[in-house]
Amino acid sequence: MIVITAPTGNIGRPLLSRLLESAPAAGEELRVVVRDPARLPDAARGRVEVIVGSHGDAEVVDRAFRGADAVFWLAPPDASLTPYDAYSGFSGPAVRALADHGVGHVVGVSALGRGTPLADRAGLVTASLALDDLIAHSGVAYRALANPSFFENLLEEADSIRETGVFTDVVDADRKAPLVAAADIAAVAAGLLLDRSWTGSGSVPVLGPQDLSPNDLARIMTEQFGRPVRYERQAFDDLYTTLVHYGLNEAFVRGIVDMKRAKDQGLDAGAVRTPDTASPTGFEQWCARTLKPAVLS
């Protein structure tokens, strides 16, 4: 029995799709934890056991983890909470339920940066790494998917790119860093959940095929869209002010800003890209398939 949390998100949806294809042949049953079952893909209906509710709720995870052999864990970054509460606080009931029900293996979504000088001052990344430690100390075999920023973050810029030809962030325009497609993270997660021959705890970097800078992204988007796209760097203080104005928790906003500052200082440069840590989807491919339709619609 494999339990999937957040099965309708950017990672959970392609993960569920992959497991629907491959889990039956491996003799695995699937169970999902979801607030709104109507958001599940049609292909899942009647083929997965559904636990309705929040996976931050003790009663929900107690039901979800009963009889489970493996869990895919994703703590949703709730911007109404502090970073600690959004990650370790939210996951506390689940960590206790893992031990109570003797779950053997957990695959979690985490971040790059462990072991670097920036790891303890990287905002949301620091909170995510602390959650990894919390899960690993529960006694399960644990693999943290150590991810850089996602291509999917650019979907939030689709309106700006369409209307002004500009996307913004706070990192240096020429700062090259790994970027990854969420579907590639899902593919790695599926492999780990289906082949549970691994033991102990550790990180699995998922780095995409190449490092790219914001200027690289702008060039590729310009080529793909047939219209000029440029990157505009935003000040860290301006980002903080904007997000607080939207009503986000101030400590969470500080966590976002500190994370981005650490990335601008090279947080994601600590992992080496190898055939095992590279993932296949390039930005050109993802841009053509996903971002271009969103921008040009």
Protein backbone atom coordinates (compact mmCIF):
# COMPACT_ATOMS: atom_id res chain seq x y z
CA MET A 1 0.00 0.00 0.00
CA ILE A 2 1.36 3.37 -1.10
CA VAL A 3 -0.18 6.55 0.32
CA ILE A 4 0.04 9.78 -1.71
CA THR A 5 -0.50 13.15 -0.06
CA ALA A 6 -1.27 16.28 -2.12
CA PRO A 7 -2.32 14.14 -5.12
CA THR A 8 -3.78 17.08 -7.08
CA GLY A 9 -0.70 19.35 -6.94
CA ASN A 10 2.11 19.99 -9.42
CA ILE A 11 4.04 16.93 -8.22
CA GLY A 12 1.27 14.77 -6.81
CA ARG A 13 -0.84 14.73 -9.97
CA PRO A 14 1.87 13.35 -12.30
CA LEU A 15 3.01 11.02 -9.51
CA LEU A 16 -0.49 9.60 -9.16
CA SER A 17 -0.71 9.20 -12.93
CA ARG A 18 2.56 7.25 -13.02
CA LEU A 19 1.56 5.02 -10.14
CA LEU A 20 -1.85 4.30 -11.64
CA GLU A 21 0.04 2.90 -14.64
CA SER A 22 2.72 0.92 -12.82
CA ALA A 23 1.55 0.09 -9.27
CA PRO A 24 -0.95 -2.68 -10.16
CA ALA A 25 1.69 -4.73 -11.98
CA ALA A 26 3.91 -4.39 -8.92
CA GLY A 27 1.13 -5.61 -6.64
CA GLU A 28 0.73 -2.22 -4.97
CA GLU A 29 -2.55 -0.66 -3.88
CA LEU A 30 -2.90 3.13 -3.82
CA ARG A 31 -4.48 5.41 -1.25
CA VAL A 32 -4.69 9.21 -1.52
CA VAL A 33 -5.31 11.93 1.04
CA VAL A 34 -7.21 14.83 -0.50
CA ARG A 35 -9.39 17.69 0.71
CA ASP A 36 -11.57 17.77 -2.41
CA PRO A 37 -12.01 14.39 -4.15
CA ALA A 38 -13.65 16.14 -7.12
CA ARG A 39 -10.19 17.42 -8.09
CA LEU A 40 -8.80 13.92 -8.57
CA PRO A 41 -8.25 12.89 -12.21
CA ASP A 42 -10.95 10.76 -13.78
CA ALA A 43 -8.45 7.92 -14.24
CA ALA A 44 -8.16 7.58 -10.44
CA ARG A 45 -11.85 7.11 -9.76
CA GLY A 46 -12.62 3.64 -8.48
CA ARG A 47 -8.93 2.69 -8.61
CA VAL A 48 -7.63 4.35 -5.44
CA GLU A 49 -8.82 4.45 -1.87
CA VAL A 50 -9.67 8.03 -0.94
CA ILE A 51 -9.17 9.52 2.53
CA VAL A 52 -10.90 12.92 2.63
CA GLY A 53 -9.36 15.69 4.70
CA SER A 54 -6.13 17.51 5.44
CA HIS A 55 -2.98 15.45 5.86
CA GLY A 56 -2.07 17.86 8.66
CA ASP A 57 -4.95 16.45 10.73
CA ALA A 58 -4.08 13.71 13.23
CA GLU A 59 -7.29 11.72 12.71
CA VAL A 60 -6.90 11.85 8.92
CA VAL A 61 -3.30 10.61 8.83
CA ASP A 62 -4.11 7.95 11.42
CA ARG A 63 -6.64 6.49 8.97
CA ALA A 64 -4.44 7.10 5.95
CA PHE A 65 -1.31 5.40 7.31
CA ARG A 66 -3.06 2.31 8.72
CA GLY A 67 -1.68 -0.64 6.78
CA ALA A 68 0.58 1.57 4.65
CA ASP A 69 4.01 0.41 3.50
CA ALA A 70 5.16 3.67 1.91
CA VAL A 71 4.12 7.33 1.94
CA PHE A 72 4.75 10.22 -0.41
CA TRP A 73 4.87 13.29 1.85
CA LEU A 74 4.49 16.90 0.76
CA ALA A 75 3.89 19.64 3.31
CA PRO A 76 1.96 22.42 1.52
CA PRO A 77 3.71 25.79 2.04
CA ASP A 78 0.87 27.56 3.87
CA ALA A 79 1.69 31.27 3.72
CA SER A 80 -0.69 32.04 6.60
CA LEU A 81 1.70 30.26 9.01
CA THR A 82 5.27 30.67 10.17
CA PRO A 83 7.81 28.53 8.28
CA TYR A 84 8.17 26.17 11.24
CA ASP A 85 4.41 25.72 11.58
CA ALA A 86 3.97 25.28 7.81
CA TYR A 87 6.52 22.47 7.65
CA SER A 88 7.34 20.71 10.94
CA GLY A 89 4.21 21.86 12.77
CA PHE A 90 1.91 20.72 9.96
CA SER A 91 3.75 17.40 9.68
CA GLY A 92 3.91 16.59 13.39
CA PRO A 93 0.75 14.43 13.47
CA ALA A 94 1.93 12.52 10.40
CA VAL A 95 5.34 11.81 11.91
CA ARG A 96 3.66 10.33 14.97
CA ALA A 97 1.31 8.28 12.79
CA LEU A 98 4.24 6.91 10.78
CA ALA A 99 5.67 5.45 13.99
CA ASP A 100 2.31 4.30 15.35
CA HIS A 101 1.53 2.30 12.19
CA GLY A 102 5.04 1.04 11.44
CA VAL A 103 5.26 2.63 7.99
CA GLY A 104 8.53 1.47 6.46
CA HIS A 105 9.39 4.04 3.77
CA VAL A 106 8.73 7.73 3.16
CA VAL A 107 9.64 9.87 0.16
CA GLY A 108 9.39 13.60 0.84
CA VAL A 109 9.65 16.80 -1.18
CA SER A 110 12.51 18.97 0.04
CA ALA A 111 15.17 21.35 -1.23
CA LEU A 112 18.81 21.66 -2.13
CA GLY A 113 21.22 23.23 0.32
CA ARG A 114 21.96 20.66 3.03
CA GLY A 115 25.60 20.81 4.10
CA THR A 116 26.21 24.25 2.60
CA PRO A 117 27.18 27.35 4.63
CA LEU A 118 23.81 28.88 3.71
CA ALA A 119 21.63 26.01 4.92
CA ASP A 120 20.86 27.52 8.34
CA ARG A 121 19.81 30.95 6.96
CA ALA A 122 17.83 30.02 3.90
CA GLY A 123 14.30 30.68 5.13
CA LEU A 124 11.81 28.16 3.77
CA VAL A 125 14.65 25.86 2.73
CA THR A 126 15.94 25.80 6.31
CA ALA A 127 12.43 24.90 7.50
CA SER A 128 12.19 22.16 4.86
CA LEU A 129 15.53 20.64 5.89
CA ALA A 130 14.38 20.65 9.53
CA LEU A 131 11.30 18.70 8.46
CA ASP A 132 13.54 16.15 6.74
CA ASP A 133 15.36 15.63 10.04
CA LEU A 134 12.06 15.26 11.90
CA ILE A 135 10.84 12.55 9.52
CA ALA A 136 14.19 10.75 9.42
CA HIS A 137 14.31 10.62 13.23
CA SER A 138 10.92 8.86 13.32
CA GLY A 139 12.66 5.62 12.38
CA VAL A 140 11.35 5.23 8.82
CA ALA A 141 13.59 4.77 5.82
CA TYR A 142 13.49 8.25 4.29
CA ARG A 143 14.52 9.85 1.03
CA ALA A 144 14.26 13.64 0.67
CA LEU A 145 13.91 14.78 -2.92
CA ALA A 146 16.35 17.70 -2.91
CA ASN A 147 14.98 20.08 -5.52
CA PRO A 148 15.96 23.45 -6.94
CA SER A 149 13.33 25.96 -8.09
CA PHE A 150 10.59 24.59 -10.37
CA PHE A 151 9.88 25.61 -13.95
CA GLU A 152 6.24 25.80 -12.83
CA ASN A 153 6.99 28.91 -10.74
CA LEU A 154 7.04 30.84 -14.03
CA LEU A 155 3.34 30.12 -14.55
CA GLU A 156 2.72 32.81 -11.92
CA GLU A 157 4.38 35.25 -14.35
CA ALA A 158 2.26 34.27 -17.38
CA ASP A 159 0.00 37.33 -17.22
CA SER A 160 2.95 39.71 -16.90
CA ILE A 161 4.81 38.04 -19.76
CA ARG A 162 1.70 38.19 -21.96
CA GLU A 163 0.87 41.82 -21.16
CA THR A 164 4.29 43.46 -20.74
CA GLY A 165 6.90 40.96 -21.96
CA VAL A 166 8.53 41.00 -18.52
CA PHE A 167 9.05 38.48 -15.73
CA THR A 168 10.59 39.32 -12.36
CA ASP A 169 12.56 37.74 -9.54
CA VAL A 170 15.22 38.90 -7.09
CA VAL A 171 18.25 36.88 -8.22
CA ASP A 172 21.04 38.28 -10.37
CA ALA A 173 20.18 38.17 -14.08
CA ASP A 174 23.26 36.10 -14.89
CA ARG A 175 23.11 33.76 -11.87
CA LYS A 176 23.01 30.25 -13.33
CA ALA A 177 21.30 27.61 -11.21
CA PRO A 178 19.58 24.26 -11.66
CA LEU A 179 15.86 24.28 -12.46
CA VAL A 180 13.52 21.30 -12.68
CA ALA A 181 10.14 20.25 -14.03
CA ALA A 182 7.69 18.99 -11.42
CA ALA A 183 6.91 15.93 -13.55
CA ASP A 184 10.55 14.86 -13.35
CA ILE A 185 10.40 15.05 -9.56
CA ALA A 186 7.29 12.87 -9.69
CA ALA A 187 9.14 10.31 -11.83
CA VAL A 188 11.94 10.00 -9.26
CA ALA A 189 9.41 9.73 -6.44
CA ALA A 190 7.55 6.95 -8.27
CA GLY A 191 10.74 4.96 -8.71
CA LEU A 192 11.59 5.18 -5.02
CA LEU A 193 8.09 4.29 -3.89
CA LEU A 194 7.89 1.22 -6.11
CA ASP A 195 11.40 -0.11 -5.42
CA ARG A 196 11.80 0.06 -1.67
CA SER A 197 15.09 -1.80 -1.43
CA TRP A 198 16.73 1.33 0.08
CA THR A 199 17.25 1.82 3.80
CA GLY A 200 18.30 4.59 6.17
CA SER A 201 17.89 8.28 5.36
CA GLY A 202 19.37 10.47 2.67
CA SER A 203 18.80 13.07 -0.02
CA VAL A 204 18.19 12.51 -3.73
CA PRO A 205 18.97 15.63 -5.81
CA VAL A 206 16.79 16.22 -8.88
CA LEU A 207 18.64 18.85 -10.89
CA GLY A 208 17.20 19.13 -14.37
CA PRO A 209 19.46 18.81 -17.44
CA GLN A 210 21.34 22.15 -17.17
CA ASP A 211 21.88 25.29 -15.13
CA LEU A 212 20.11 28.39 -16.44
CA SER A 213 20.10 32.07 -15.54
CA PRO A 214 17.10 34.44 -15.73
CA ASN A 215 18.66 35.91 -18.87
CA ASP A 216 18.85 32.40 -20.35
CA LEU A 217 15.16 31.91 -19.60
CA ALA A 218 14.30 35.23 -21.22
CA ARG A 219 16.22 34.29 -24.37
CA ILE A 220 14.51 30.92 -24.64
CA MET A 221 11.06 32.44 -24.05
CA THR A 222 11.75 35.07 -26.71
CA GLU A 223 12.60 32.32 -29.19
CA GLN A 224 9.59 30.20 -28.22
CA PHE A 225 6.99 32.98 -28.19
CA GLY A 226 8.21 34.94 -31.21
CA ARG A 227 8.09 38.15 -29.18
CA PRO A 228 10.59 39.88 -26.86
CA VAL A 229 10.69 38.72 -23.24
CA ARG A 230 13.06 40.26 -20.71
CA TYR A 231 13.94 39.72 -17.07
CA GLU A 232 13.60 42.51 -14.54
CA ARG A 233 15.30 42.17 -11.17
CA GLN A 234 13.27 43.18 -8.14
CA ALA A 235 14.79 44.43 -4.88
CA PHE A 236 14.54 42.07 -1.90
CA ASP A 237 12.87 44.78 0.21
CA ASP A 238 10.29 45.40 -2.53
CA LEU A 239 9.47 41.69 -2.64
CA TYR A 240 8.98 41.65 1.13
CA THR A 241 6.70 44.70 1.04
CA THR A 242 4.63 43.32 -1.83
CA LEU A 243 4.03 39.94 -0.21
CA VAL A 244 3.16 41.44 3.18
CA HIS A 245 0.70 43.73 1.39
CA TYR A 246 -1.02 40.61 0.02
CA GLY A 247 -1.69 39.54 3.61
CA LEU A 248 0.85 36.72 3.94
CA ASN A 249 2.25 35.88 7.37
CA GLU A 250 5.24 38.18 7.92
CA ALA A 251 7.47 35.38 9.21
CA PHE A 252 6.60 33.29 6.15
CA VAL A 253 7.37 36.24 3.88
CA ARG A 254 10.73 36.65 5.59
CA GLY A 255 11.27 32.94 4.93
CA ILE A 256 10.61 33.46 1.21
CA VAL A 257 12.96 36.44 1.03
CA ASP A 258 15.72 34.67 2.99
CA MET A 259 15.37 31.61 0.73
CA LYS A 260 15.69 33.72 -2.41
CA ARG A 261 18.63 35.64 -0.96
CA ALA A 262 20.39 32.35 -0.22
CA LYS A 263 19.70 31.12 -3.76
CA ASP A 264 21.18 34.35 -5.11
CA GLN A 265 24.28 33.61 -3.05
CA GLY A 266 24.65 30.11 -4.51
CA LEU A 267 22.55 27.88 -2.23
CA ASP A 268 21.65 25.51 -5.07
CA ALA A 269 25.19 25.17 -6.38
CA GLY A 270 26.25 22.56 -3.83
CA ALA A 271 24.93 19.49 -5.66
CA VAL A 272 26.82 17.99 -8.59
CA ARG A 273 24.91 17.07 -11.72
CA THR A 274 25.60 13.47 -12.72
CA PRO A 275 23.63 10.94 -14.80
CA ASP A 276 21.91 9.95 -11.54
CA THR A 277 20.96 13.48 -10.44
CA ALA A 278 20.11 15.03 -13.82
CA SER A 279 16.49 14.87 -14.95
CA PRO A 280 15.44 14.84 -18.60
CA THR A 281 13.02 17.72 -19.19
CA GLY A 282 14.75 20.83 -20.54
CA PHE A 283 13.33 24.32 -20.26
CA GLU A 284 12.77 24.56 -24.02
CA GLN A 285 10.59 21.45 -23.93
CA TRP A 286 8.65 22.53 -20.84
CA CYS A 287 8.23 26.05 -22.17
CA ALA A 288 6.77 24.83 -25.47
CA ARG A 289 4.45 22.34 -23.79
CA THR A 290 3.28 24.30 -20.73
CA LEU A 291 4.28 27.97 -20.51
CA LYS A 292 3.72 28.95 -24.14
CA PRO A 293 0.04 27.93 -24.15
CA ALA A 294 -0.48 29.80 -20.86
CA VAL A 295 1.14 32.98 -22.18
CA LEU A 296 -0.31 32.98 -25.68
CA SER A 297 -3.82 31.85 -24.79
